[in-house]
Amino acid sequence: MQTIKKVIGLLSTSTRLPLVIDSSRVETIEAALRIYPGRMLINSISGEKEKLARLMPLASKYGAMFILLPLTDGDIPKTTKKRQAVIQSIFQKAQKFGLTKDDFVVDGLVMAVASDAQAAKETLATVSWCKKTFKSRTILGLSNVSFGMPGRPWLNSAFLAMAQYSGLTMAIANPASVELMNVMKAADTLIARDKAALHFIHHFAQPAADALSKTVSAASASPDEKVTASVLDGDREHITAFIEDILRTGRPANRLVDEILILSLIWVRMFRMRSLLRRLKRKNRM
């Protein structure tokens, strides 16, 4: 019990993000809820009778949110329809404690496709139903879907993108996975999530800019690269000479504009958008 108190004391002063408490011991969960200076998320409350009876009152008493896990005693519902019934049943019990849909996040229940080929489809259908019909937030433990399979990062990433399109709110995932983070930002952009395009540009522009800078700074930089670097750096002193060097090779002026200058201006616009995003972030922190 003392250990969880020390951990909560340390983490609550280290991050502004809400903490998730997960323990098989109800006493440990209550100890954490009692001392946490904020709204904690309980992982999780299922349809199992003992969990419902002991954890639901704690969520109500301490004002905590909880992850609604659509399981019952001795049964893991495989189909979306069965999961819907469990979700609605738990919600009805939560209402008796004064809790609403704003007080929980539904776990879509991710199972391994290695053992059930239809598992991912049923989970995605559950997420979609929660978003469109039940009107609740959702969460998924992504890596479960790829258990026992090769190429797990790619399966997890593809599954995340499909879940995002289905309306997923949040995910339990590894933020150090390059594949996962790249696909997440791309998917957010494609489904037109607020400010996602700016975040996408910010995420990918810097590595590209660094690579371009290294290329241009090399002694063997081509005339095209010199022009591009001059546009990016605003180098009015040398750009005219660089352009004349290219024109002397016989390249038509319209090709020079289409192949170099327009693309360089697009880069400038991307960098400016990234700078604007940074300023907005600093402003929001103030």
C-alpha atoms as a PDB file:
ATOM      1  CA  MET A   1       0.000   0.000   0.000  1.00  0.00           C
ATOM      2  CA  GLN A   2       2.864   2.362   0.816  1.00  0.00           C
ATOM      3  CA  THR A   3       4.394   1.673  -2.591  1.00  0.00           C
ATOM      4  CA  ILE A   4       1.351   2.854  -4.521  1.00  0.00           C
ATOM      5  CA  LYS A   5       1.186   5.997  -2.372  1.00  0.00           C
ATOM      6  CA  LYS A   6       4.823   6.805  -3.170  1.00  0.00           C
ATOM      7  CA  VAL A   7       4.292   6.173  -6.881  1.00  0.00           C
ATOM      8  CA  ILE A   8       1.182   8.373  -6.995  1.00  0.00           C
ATOM      9  CA  GLY A   9       2.986  11.114  -5.081  1.00  0.00           C
ATOM     10  CA  LEU A  10       5.889  11.028  -7.528  1.00  0.00           C
ATOM     11  CA  LEU A  11       3.907  10.828 -10.773  1.00  0.00           C
ATOM     12  CA  SER A  12       1.248  13.375  -9.822  1.00  0.00           C
ATOM     13  CA  THR A  13       3.961  16.040  -9.535  1.00  0.00           C
ATOM     14  CA  SER A  14       5.810  14.908 -12.676  1.00  0.00           C
ATOM     15  CA  THR A  15       3.027  15.205 -15.253  1.00  0.00           C
ATOM     16  CA  ARG A  16      -0.146  17.177 -15.843  1.00  0.00           C
ATOM     17  CA  LEU A  17      -1.736  14.202 -17.588  1.00  0.00           C
ATOM     18  CA  PRO A  18      -4.293  12.146 -15.626  1.00  0.00           C
ATOM     19  CA  LEU A  19      -3.061   8.812 -14.286  1.00  0.00           C
ATOM     20  CA  VAL A  20      -4.580   5.377 -14.876  1.00  0.00           C
ATOM     21  CA  ILE A  21      -4.723   3.000 -11.904  1.00  0.00           C
ATOM     22  CA  ASP A  22      -4.688  -0.734 -12.608  1.00  0.00           C
ATOM     23  CA  SER A  23      -4.581  -3.304  -9.811  1.00  0.00           C
ATOM     24  CA  SER A  24      -6.227  -6.604  -8.945  1.00  0.00           C
ATOM     25  CA  ARG A  25      -6.622  -5.341  -5.368  1.00  0.00           C
ATOM     26  CA  VAL A  26      -9.554  -3.009  -4.763  1.00  0.00           C
ATOM     27  CA  GLU A  27      -7.837  -1.679  -1.628  1.00  0.00           C
ATOM     28  CA  THR A  28      -4.884  -0.499  -3.719  1.00  0.00           C
ATOM     29  CA  ILE A  29      -7.166   1.272  -6.182  1.00  0.00           C
ATOM     30  CA  GLU A  30      -9.004   3.045  -3.376  1.00  0.00           C
ATOM     31  CA  ALA A  31      -5.742   4.116  -1.732  1.00  0.00           C
ATOM     32  CA  ALA A  32      -4.629   5.679  -5.023  1.00  0.00           C
ATOM     33  CA  LEU A  33      -7.974   7.414  -5.565  1.00  0.00           C
ATOM     34  CA  ARG A  34      -7.934   8.830  -2.053  1.00  0.00           C
ATOM     35  CA  ILE A  35      -4.598  10.649  -2.387  1.00  0.00           C
ATOM     36  CA  TYR A  36      -4.556  11.534  -6.099  1.00  0.00           C
ATOM     37  CA  PRO A  37      -4.950  15.317  -6.616  1.00  0.00           C
ATOM     38  CA  GLY A  38      -7.095  15.063  -9.713  1.00  0.00           C
ATOM     39  CA  ARG A  39      -9.439  12.810 -11.634  1.00  0.00           C
ATOM     40  CA  MET A  40      -7.986   9.342 -12.051  1.00  0.00           C
ATOM     41  CA  LEU A  41      -8.991   6.678 -14.589  1.00  0.00           C
ATOM     42  CA  ILE A  42      -9.728   3.196 -13.201  1.00  0.00           C
ATOM     43  CA  ASN A  43      -8.644   0.305 -15.427  1.00  0.00           C
ATOM     44  CA  SER A  44     -11.154  -1.268 -15.486  1.00  0.00           C
ATOM     45  CA  ILE A  45     -14.755  -2.036 -14.504  1.00  0.00           C
ATOM     46  CA  SER A  46     -16.318  -4.987 -16.301  1.00  0.00           C
ATOM     47  CA  GLY A  47     -19.637  -6.797 -16.076  1.00  0.00           C
ATOM     48  CA  GLU A  48     -18.185  -9.221 -13.531  1.00  0.00           C
ATOM     49  CA  LYS A  49     -20.382  -9.054 -10.427  1.00  0.00           C
ATOM     50  CA  GLU A  50     -17.578  -8.538  -7.893  1.00  0.00           C
ATOM     51  CA  LYS A  51     -15.950  -5.736  -9.873  1.00  0.00           C
ATOM     52  CA  LEU A  52     -19.251  -3.990 -10.379  1.00  0.00           C
ATOM     53  CA  ALA A  53     -20.145  -4.229  -6.710  1.00  0.00           C
ATOM     54  CA  ARG A  54     -16.804  -3.004  -5.381  1.00  0.00           C
ATOM     55  CA  LEU A  55     -15.422  -0.595  -8.003  1.00  0.00           C
ATOM     56  CA  MET A  56     -18.485   1.272  -9.246  1.00  0.00           C
ATOM     57  CA  PRO A  57     -19.142   2.820  -5.798  1.00  0.00           C
ATOM     58  CA  LEU A  58     -15.475   3.948  -5.674  1.00  0.00           C
ATOM     59  CA  ALA A  59     -15.717   5.657  -9.058  1.00  0.00           C
ATOM     60  CA  SER A  60     -18.780   7.511  -7.826  1.00  0.00           C
ATOM     61  CA  LYS A  61     -17.328   8.335  -4.408  1.00  0.00           C
ATOM     62  CA  TYR A  62     -14.018   9.775  -5.664  1.00  0.00           C
ATOM     63  CA  GLY A  63     -15.292  11.243  -8.941  1.00  0.00           C
ATOM     64  CA  ALA A  64     -13.048   8.974 -11.007  1.00  0.00           C
ATOM     65  CA  MET A  65     -13.506   7.939 -14.612  1.00  0.00           C
ATOM     66  CA  PHE A  66     -13.255   4.279 -15.548  1.00  0.00           C
ATOM     67  CA  ILE A  67     -12.597   2.047 -18.520  1.00  0.00           C
ATOM     68  CA  LEU A  68     -15.728   0.032 -19.257  1.00  0.00           C
ATOM     69  CA  LEU A  69     -14.616  -3.468 -20.213  1.00  0.00           C
ATOM     70  CA  PRO A  70     -17.395  -5.488 -21.922  1.00  0.00           C
ATOM     71  CA  LEU A  71     -16.723  -8.773 -20.134  1.00  0.00           C
ATOM     72  CA  THR A  72     -18.957 -10.818 -17.863  1.00  0.00           C
ATOM     73  CA  ASP A  73     -18.256 -13.619 -15.403  1.00  0.00           C
ATOM     74  CA  GLY A  74     -16.575 -16.387 -17.371  1.00  0.00           C
ATOM     75  CA  ASP A  75     -17.500 -14.993 -20.785  1.00  0.00           C
ATOM     76  CA  ILE A  76     -15.585 -13.032 -23.420  1.00  0.00           C
ATOM     77  CA  PRO A  77     -18.166 -11.855 -25.982  1.00  0.00           C
ATOM     78  CA  LYS A  78     -16.765 -12.346 -29.471  1.00  0.00           C
ATOM     79  CA  THR A  79     -19.384 -10.469 -31.475  1.00  0.00           C
ATOM     80  CA  THR A  80     -20.241  -6.794 -31.555  1.00  0.00           C
ATOM     81  CA  LYS A  81     -23.863  -7.509 -30.723  1.00  0.00           C
ATOM     82  CA  LYS A  82     -22.956  -9.339 -27.510  1.00  0.00           C
ATOM     83  CA  ARG A  83     -20.525  -6.590 -26.516  1.00  0.00           C
ATOM     84  CA  GLN A  84     -23.209  -3.976 -27.054  1.00  0.00           C
ATOM     85  CA  ALA A  85     -25.476  -5.788 -24.602  1.00  0.00           C
ATOM     86  CA  VAL A  86     -22.758  -5.909 -21.931  1.00  0.00           C
ATOM     87  CA  ILE A  87     -21.867  -2.236 -22.451  1.00  0.00           C
ATOM     88  CA  GLN A  88     -25.480  -1.151 -22.073  1.00  0.00           C
ATOM     89  CA  SER A  89     -25.919  -3.334 -18.984  1.00  0.00           C
ATOM     90  CA  ILE A  90     -22.876  -1.809 -17.247  1.00  0.00           C
ATOM     91  CA  PHE A  91     -24.009   1.673 -18.235  1.00  0.00           C
ATOM     92  CA  GLN A  92     -27.411   1.093 -16.638  1.00  0.00           C
ATOM     93  CA  LYS A  93     -25.708   0.107 -13.378  1.00  0.00           C
ATOM     94  CA  ALA A  94     -23.408   3.145 -13.588  1.00  0.00           C
ATOM     95  CA  GLN A  95     -26.417   5.429 -13.913  1.00  0.00           C
ATOM     96  CA  LYS A  96     -27.674   4.201 -10.533  1.00  0.00           C
ATOM     97  CA  PHE A  97     -24.520   5.754  -9.017  1.00  0.00           C
ATOM     98  CA  GLY A  98     -25.092   9.057 -10.790  1.00  0.00           C
ATOM     99  CA  LEU A  99     -22.494   8.358 -13.496  1.00  0.00           C
ATOM    100  CA  THR A 100     -22.946   9.339 -17.148  1.00  0.00           C
ATOM    101  CA  LYS A 101     -21.270   8.537 -20.458  1.00  0.00           C
ATOM    102  CA  ASP A 102     -18.804  11.340 -19.724  1.00  0.00           C
ATOM    103  CA  ASP A 103     -17.526   9.282 -16.787  1.00  0.00           C
ATOM    104  CA  PHE A 104     -16.194   6.276 -18.688  1.00  0.00           C
ATOM    105  CA  VAL A 105     -14.339   5.140 -21.804  1.00  0.00           C
ATOM    106  CA  VAL A 106     -15.441   1.913 -23.529  1.00  0.00           C
ATOM    107  CA  ASP A 107     -12.774  -0.677 -24.264  1.00  0.00           C
ATOM    108  CA  GLY A 108     -13.517  -2.213 -27.674  1.00  0.00           C
ATOM    109  CA  LEU A 109     -11.967  -5.501 -26.497  1.00  0.00           C
ATOM    110  CA  VAL A 110      -9.073  -6.302 -28.840  1.00  0.00           C
ATOM    111  CA  MET A 111      -8.402  -9.989 -29.491  1.00  0.00           C
ATOM    112  CA  ALA A 112      -5.618 -11.628 -31.535  1.00  0.00           C
ATOM    113  CA  VAL A 113      -6.290 -12.172 -35.245  1.00  0.00           C
ATOM    114  CA  ALA A 114      -3.891 -15.123 -35.069  1.00  0.00           C
ATOM    115  CA  SER A 115      -6.553 -17.082 -33.191  1.00  0.00           C
ATOM    116  CA  ASP A 116      -9.674 -15.443 -34.655  1.00  0.00           C
ATOM    117  CA  ALA A 117      -9.601 -13.983 -38.167  1.00  0.00           C
ATOM    118  CA  GLN A 118     -12.759 -11.937 -37.475  1.00  0.00           C
ATOM    119  CA  ALA A 119     -11.485 -10.430 -34.198  1.00  0.00           C
ATOM    120  CA  ALA A 120     -10.304  -7.078 -35.576  1.00  0.00           C
ATOM    121  CA  LYS A 121     -13.506  -6.569 -37.590  1.00  0.00           C
ATOM    122  CA  GLU A 122     -15.667  -7.135 -34.507  1.00  0.00           C
ATOM    123  CA  THR A 123     -13.598  -4.683 -32.480  1.00  0.00           C
ATOM    124  CA  LEU A 124     -13.793  -2.017 -35.180  1.00  0.00           C
ATOM    125  CA  ALA A 125     -17.556  -2.537 -35.426  1.00  0.00           C
ATOM    126  CA  THR A 126     -17.808  -2.075 -31.643  1.00  0.00           C
ATOM    127  CA  VAL A 127     -15.829   1.176 -31.822  1.00  0.00           C
ATOM    128  CA  SER A 128     -18.009   2.424 -34.668  1.00  0.00           C
ATOM    129  CA  TRP A 129     -21.208   1.599 -32.735  1.00  0.00           C
ATOM    130  CA  CYS A 130     -19.914   3.425 -29.650  1.00  0.00           C
ATOM    131  CA  LYS A 131     -19.118   6.483 -31.763  1.00  0.00           C
ATOM    132  CA  LYS A 132     -22.237   6.659 -33.923  1.00  0.00           C
ATOM    133  CA  THR A 133     -25.001   5.062 -31.833  1.00  0.00           C
ATOM    134  CA  PHE A 134     -24.029   4.779 -28.183  1.00  0.00           C
ATOM    135  CA  LYS A 135     -22.204   8.161 -28.253  1.00  0.00           C
ATOM    136  CA  SER A 136     -19.318   7.304 -25.935  1.00  0.00           C
ATOM    137  CA  ARG A 137     -15.540   7.577 -25.921  1.00  0.00           C
ATOM    138  CA  THR A 138     -13.480   4.486 -26.766  1.00  0.00           C
ATOM    139  CA  ILE A 139     -10.082   2.967 -26.060  1.00  0.00           C
ATOM    140  CA  LEU A 140      -8.145   0.002 -27.477  1.00  0.00           C
ATOM    141  CA  GLY A 141      -5.079  -1.955 -26.392  1.00  0.00           C
ATOM    142  CA  LEU A 142      -3.575  -2.051 -29.876  1.00  0.00           C
ATOM    143  CA  SER A 143      -0.824  -4.651 -29.572  1.00  0.00           C
ATOM    144  CA  ASN A 144      -3.249  -7.442 -28.632  1.00  0.00           C
ATOM    145  CA  VAL A 145      -4.417  -7.632 -32.240  1.00  0.00           C
ATOM    146  CA  SER A 146      -1.008  -8.762 -33.538  1.00  0.00           C
ATOM    147  CA  PHE A 147      -0.120 -11.257 -30.813  1.00  0.00           C
ATOM    148  CA  GLY A 148       1.414 -14.375 -32.345  1.00  0.00           C
ATOM    149  CA  MET A 149       1.938 -12.731 -35.744  1.00  0.00           C
ATOM    150  CA  PRO A 150       5.068 -11.531 -37.603  1.00  0.00           C
ATOM    151  CA  GLY A 151       5.431  -7.875 -38.574  1.00  0.00           C
ATOM    152  CA  ARG A 152       3.597  -6.757 -35.442  1.00  0.00           C
ATOM    153  CA  PRO A 153       4.377  -3.007 -35.746  1.00  0.00           C
ATOM    154  CA  TRP A 154       2.743  -2.901 -39.182  1.00  0.00           C
ATOM    155  CA  LEU A 155      -0.342  -4.818 -38.089  1.00  0.00           C
ATOM    156  CA  ASN A 156      -0.707  -2.552 -35.055  1.00  0.00           C
ATOM    157  CA  SER A 157      -0.309   0.575 -37.209  1.00  0.00           C
ATOM    158  CA  ALA A 158      -2.829  -0.529 -39.843  1.00  0.00           C
ATOM    159  CA  PHE A 159      -5.286  -1.477 -37.108  1.00  0.00           C
ATOM    160  CA  LEU A 160      -4.862   1.933 -35.465  1.00  0.00           C
ATOM    161  CA  ALA A 161      -5.603   3.764 -38.727  1.00  0.00           C
ATOM    162  CA  MET A 162      -8.776   1.717 -39.251  1.00  0.00           C
ATOM    163  CA  ALA A 163      -9.821   2.330 -35.655  1.00  0.00           C
ATOM    164  CA  GLN A 164      -9.253   6.073 -36.044  1.00  0.00           C
ATOM    165  CA  TYR A 165     -11.583   6.090 -39.041  1.00  0.00           C
ATOM    166  CA  SER A 166     -14.118   4.126 -36.983  1.00  0.00           C
ATOM    167  CA  GLY A 167     -14.099   6.859 -34.332  1.00  0.00           C
ATOM    168  CA  LEU A 168     -11.512   5.716 -31.774  1.00  0.00           C
ATOM    169  CA  THR A 169     -10.842   8.236 -29.012  1.00  0.00           C
ATOM    170  CA  MET A 170      -7.616   6.930 -27.451  1.00  0.00           C
ATOM    171  CA  ALA A 171      -5.269   3.957 -27.546  1.00  0.00           C
ATOM    172  CA  ILE A 172      -2.897   2.062 -25.307  1.00  0.00           C
ATOM    173  CA  ALA A 173       0.162   2.026 -27.549  1.00  0.00           C
ATOM    174  CA  ASN A 174       3.925   2.413 -27.747  1.00  0.00           C
ATOM    175  CA  PRO A 175       4.762   6.059 -28.622  1.00  0.00           C
ATOM    176  CA  ALA A 176       8.340   5.022 -29.439  1.00  0.00           C
ATOM    177  CA  SER A 177       7.129   3.007 -32.454  1.00  0.00           C
ATOM    178  CA  VAL A 178       8.052   5.004 -35.559  1.00  0.00           C
ATOM    179  CA  GLU A 179       5.610   3.090 -37.760  1.00  0.00           C
ATOM    180  CA  LEU A 180       2.759   3.634 -35.323  1.00  0.00           C
ATOM    181  CA  MET A 181       3.309   7.366 -34.835  1.00  0.00           C
ATOM    182  CA  ASN A 182       3.759   8.055 -38.543  1.00  0.00           C
ATOM    183  CA  VAL A 183       0.588   6.174 -39.471  1.00  0.00           C
ATOM    184  CA  MET A 184      -1.359   7.822 -36.642  1.00  0.00           C
ATOM    185  CA  LYS A 185      -0.478  11.321 -37.847  1.00  0.00           C
ATOM    186  CA  ALA A 186      -1.215  10.383 -41.458  1.00  0.00           C
ATOM    187  CA  ALA A 187      -4.592   8.886 -40.523  1.00  0.00           C
ATOM    188  CA  ASP A 188      -5.546  11.939 -38.453  1.00  0.00           C
ATOM    189  CA  THR A 189      -4.799  14.090 -41.492  1.00  0.00           C
ATOM    190  CA  LEU A 190      -6.819  11.934 -43.882  1.00  0.00           C
ATOM    191  CA  ILE A 191      -9.916  11.934 -41.651  1.00  0.00           C
ATOM    192  CA  ALA A 192      -9.630  15.737 -41.274  1.00  0.00           C
ATOM    193  CA  ARG A 193      -9.109  15.796 -37.511  1.00  0.00           C
ATOM    194  CA  ASP A 194      -8.685  19.328 -36.164  1.00  0.00           C
ATOM    195  CA  LYS A 195      -5.171  20.733 -36.817  1.00  0.00           C
ATOM    196  CA  ALA A 196      -3.967  17.284 -37.912  1.00  0.00           C
ATOM    197  CA  ALA A 197      -2.493  18.576 -41.178  1.00  0.00           C
ATOM    198  CA  LEU A 198      -0.361  21.097 -39.292  1.00  0.00           C
ATOM    199  CA  HIS A 199       0.853  18.397 -36.925  1.00  0.00           C
ATOM    200  CA  PHE A 200       1.637  16.155 -39.905  1.00  0.00           C
ATOM    201  CA  ILE A 201       3.689  18.885 -41.592  1.00  0.00           C
ATOM    202  CA  HIS A 202       5.507  19.654 -38.355  1.00  0.00           C
ATOM    203  CA  HIS A 203       6.285  15.959 -37.800  1.00  0.00           C
ATOM    204  CA  PHE A 204       7.754  15.308 -41.253  1.00  0.00           C
ATOM    205  CA  ALA A 205       9.168  18.700 -42.287  1.00  0.00           C
ATOM    206  CA  GLN A 206      12.057  18.815 -39.835  1.00  0.00           C
ATOM    207  CA  PRO A 207      13.756  15.549 -40.858  1.00  0.00           C
ATOM    208  CA  ALA A 208      13.342  16.472 -44.514  1.00  0.00           C
ATOM    209  CA  ALA A 209      14.737  19.946 -43.901  1.00  0.00           C
ATOM    210  CA  ASP A 210      17.727  18.541 -42.038  1.00  0.00           C
ATOM    211  CA  ALA A 211      18.445  16.105 -44.871  1.00  0.00           C
ATOM    212  CA  LEU A 212      18.138  18.872 -47.447  1.00  0.00           C
ATOM    213  CA  SER A 213      20.455  21.120 -45.453  1.00  0.00           C
ATOM    214  CA  LYS A 214      23.116  18.397 -45.319  1.00  0.00           C
ATOM    215  CA  THR A 215      22.783  17.802 -49.044  1.00  0.00           C
ATOM    216  CA  VAL A 216      23.049  21.467 -49.981  1.00  0.00           C
ATOM    217  CA  SER A 217      25.968  22.120 -47.672  1.00  0.00           C
ATOM    218  CA  ALA A 218      28.052  19.475 -49.416  1.00  0.00           C
ATOM    219  CA  ALA A 219      30.742  20.693 -51.760  1.00  0.00           C
ATOM    220  CA  SER A 220      29.166  18.744 -54.602  1.00  0.00           C
ATOM    221  CA  ALA A 221      25.793  20.525 -54.389  1.00  0.00           C
ATOM    222  CA  SER A 222      24.125  20.662 -57.816  1.00  0.00           C
ATOM    223  CA  PRO A 223      22.857  23.914 -59.398  1.00  0.00           C
ATOM    224  CA  ASP A 224      19.273  22.825 -58.614  1.00  0.00           C
ATOM    225  CA  GLU A 225      20.145  22.305 -54.947  1.00  0.00           C
ATOM    226  CA  LYS A 226      21.858  25.705 -54.785  1.00  0.00           C
ATOM    227  CA  VAL A 227      18.738  27.434 -56.090  1.00  0.00           C
ATOM    228  CA  THR A 228      16.529  25.527 -53.660  1.00  0.00           C
ATOM    229  CA  ALA A 229      18.787  26.433 -50.727  1.00  0.00           C
ATOM    230  CA  SER A 230      18.795  30.084 -51.765  1.00  0.00           C
ATOM    231  CA  VAL A 231      14.982  30.180 -51.777  1.00  0.00           C
ATOM    232  CA  LEU A 232      14.795  28.529 -48.355  1.00  0.00           C
ATOM    233  CA  ASP A 233      17.435  30.838 -46.882  1.00  0.00           C
ATOM    234  CA  GLY A 234      16.143  33.988 -48.580  1.00  0.00           C
ATOM    235  CA  ASP A 235      19.546  34.433 -50.244  1.00  0.00           C
ATOM    236  CA  ARG A 236      18.861  37.182 -52.779  1.00  0.00           C
ATOM    237  CA  GLU A 237      22.570  37.852 -53.258  1.00  0.00           C
ATOM    238  CA  HIS A 238      23.409  34.551 -54.932  1.00  0.00           C
ATOM    239  CA  ILE A 239      20.156  33.162 -56.321  1.00  0.00           C
ATOM    240  CA  THR A 240      20.323  35.156 -59.566  1.00  0.00           C
ATOM    241  CA  ALA A 241      23.744  33.732 -60.421  1.00  0.00           C
ATOM    242  CA  PHE A 242      22.571  30.213 -59.612  1.00  0.00           C
ATOM    243  CA  ILE A 243      19.518  30.584 -61.863  1.00  0.00           C
ATOM    244  CA  GLU A 244      21.659  31.941 -64.699  1.00  0.00           C
ATOM    245  CA  ASP A 245      23.973  28.932 -64.362  1.00  0.00           C
ATOM    246  CA  ILE A 246      20.992  26.623 -64.892  1.00  0.00           C
ATOM    247  CA  LEU A 247      19.632  28.607 -67.837  1.00  0.00           C
ATOM    248  CA  ARG A 248      23.035  28.460 -69.522  1.00  0.00           C
ATOM    249  CA  THR A 249      22.752  24.651 -69.578  1.00  0.00           C
ATOM    250  CA  GLY A 250      19.812  25.059 -71.962  1.00  0.00           C
ATOM    251  CA  ARG A 251      17.013  24.275 -69.541  1.00  0.00           C
ATOM    252  CA  PRO A 252      13.858  26.260 -70.473  1.00  0.00           C
ATOM    253  CA  ALA A 253      12.759  28.911 -67.976  1.00  0.00           C
ATOM    254  CA  ASN A 254       9.301  27.349 -67.566  1.00  0.00           C
ATOM    255  CA  ARG A 255      10.888  24.055 -66.499  1.00  0.00           C
ATOM    256  CA  LEU A 256      13.087  25.880 -64.028  1.00  0.00           C
ATOM    257  CA  VAL A 257       9.986  27.443 -62.488  1.00  0.00           C
ATOM    258  CA  ASP A 258       7.969  24.192 -62.401  1.00  0.00           C
ATOM    259  CA  GLU A 259      10.730  21.849 -61.262  1.00  0.00           C
ATOM    260  CA  ILE A 260      12.630  24.010 -58.771  1.00  0.00           C
ATOM    261  CA  LEU A 261      11.155  27.362 -57.816  1.00  0.00           C
ATOM    262  CA  ILE A 262       7.551  26.263 -57.161  1.00  0.00           C
ATOM    263  CA  LEU A 263       8.665  23.254 -55.104  1.00  0.00           C
ATOM    264  CA  SER A 264      11.043  25.460 -53.129  1.00  0.00           C
ATOM    265  CA  LEU A 265       8.240  27.906 -52.360  1.00  0.00           C
ATOM    266  CA  ILE A 266       6.087  25.005 -51.132  1.00  0.00           C
ATOM    267  CA  TRP A 267       8.901  24.122 -48.715  1.00  0.00           C
ATOM    268  CA  VAL A 268       8.988  27.722 -47.494  1.00  0.00           C
ATOM    269  CA  ARG A 269       5.234  27.590 -46.852  1.00  0.00           C
ATOM    270  CA  MET A 270       5.592  24.347 -44.901  1.00  0.00           C
ATOM    271  CA  PHE A 271       8.342  25.801 -42.707  1.00  0.00           C
ATOM    272  CA  ARG A 272       6.250  28.904 -42.036  1.00  0.00           C
ATOM    273  CA  MET A 273       3.277  26.752 -41.032  1.00  0.00           C
ATOM    274  CA  ARG A 274       5.533  24.809 -38.696  1.00  0.00           C
ATOM    275  CA  SER A 275       6.762  28.059 -37.154  1.00  0.00           C
ATOM    276  CA  LEU A 276       3.160  29.231 -36.741  1.00  0.00           C
ATOM    277  CA  LEU A 277       2.285  25.964 -35.020  1.00  0.00           C
ATOM    278  CA  ARG A 278       5.129  26.443 -32.559  1.00  0.00           C
ATOM    279  CA  ARG A 279       3.981  29.971 -31.758  1.00  0.00           C
ATOM    280  CA  LEU A 280       0.451  28.772 -31.200  1.00  0.00           C
ATOM    281  CA  LYS A 281       1.704  26.059 -28.840  1.00  0.00           C
ATOM    282  CA  ARG A 282       3.735  28.598 -26.852  1.00  0.00           C
ATOM    283  CA  LYS A 283       0.729  30.919 -26.697  1.00  0.00           C
ATOM    284  CA  ASN A 284      -1.496  28.117 -25.391  1.00  0.00           C
ATOM    285  CA  ARG A 285       0.995  27.360 -22.615  1.00  0.00           C
ATOM    286  CA  MET A 286       0.981  30.983 -21.388  1.00  0.00           C
END
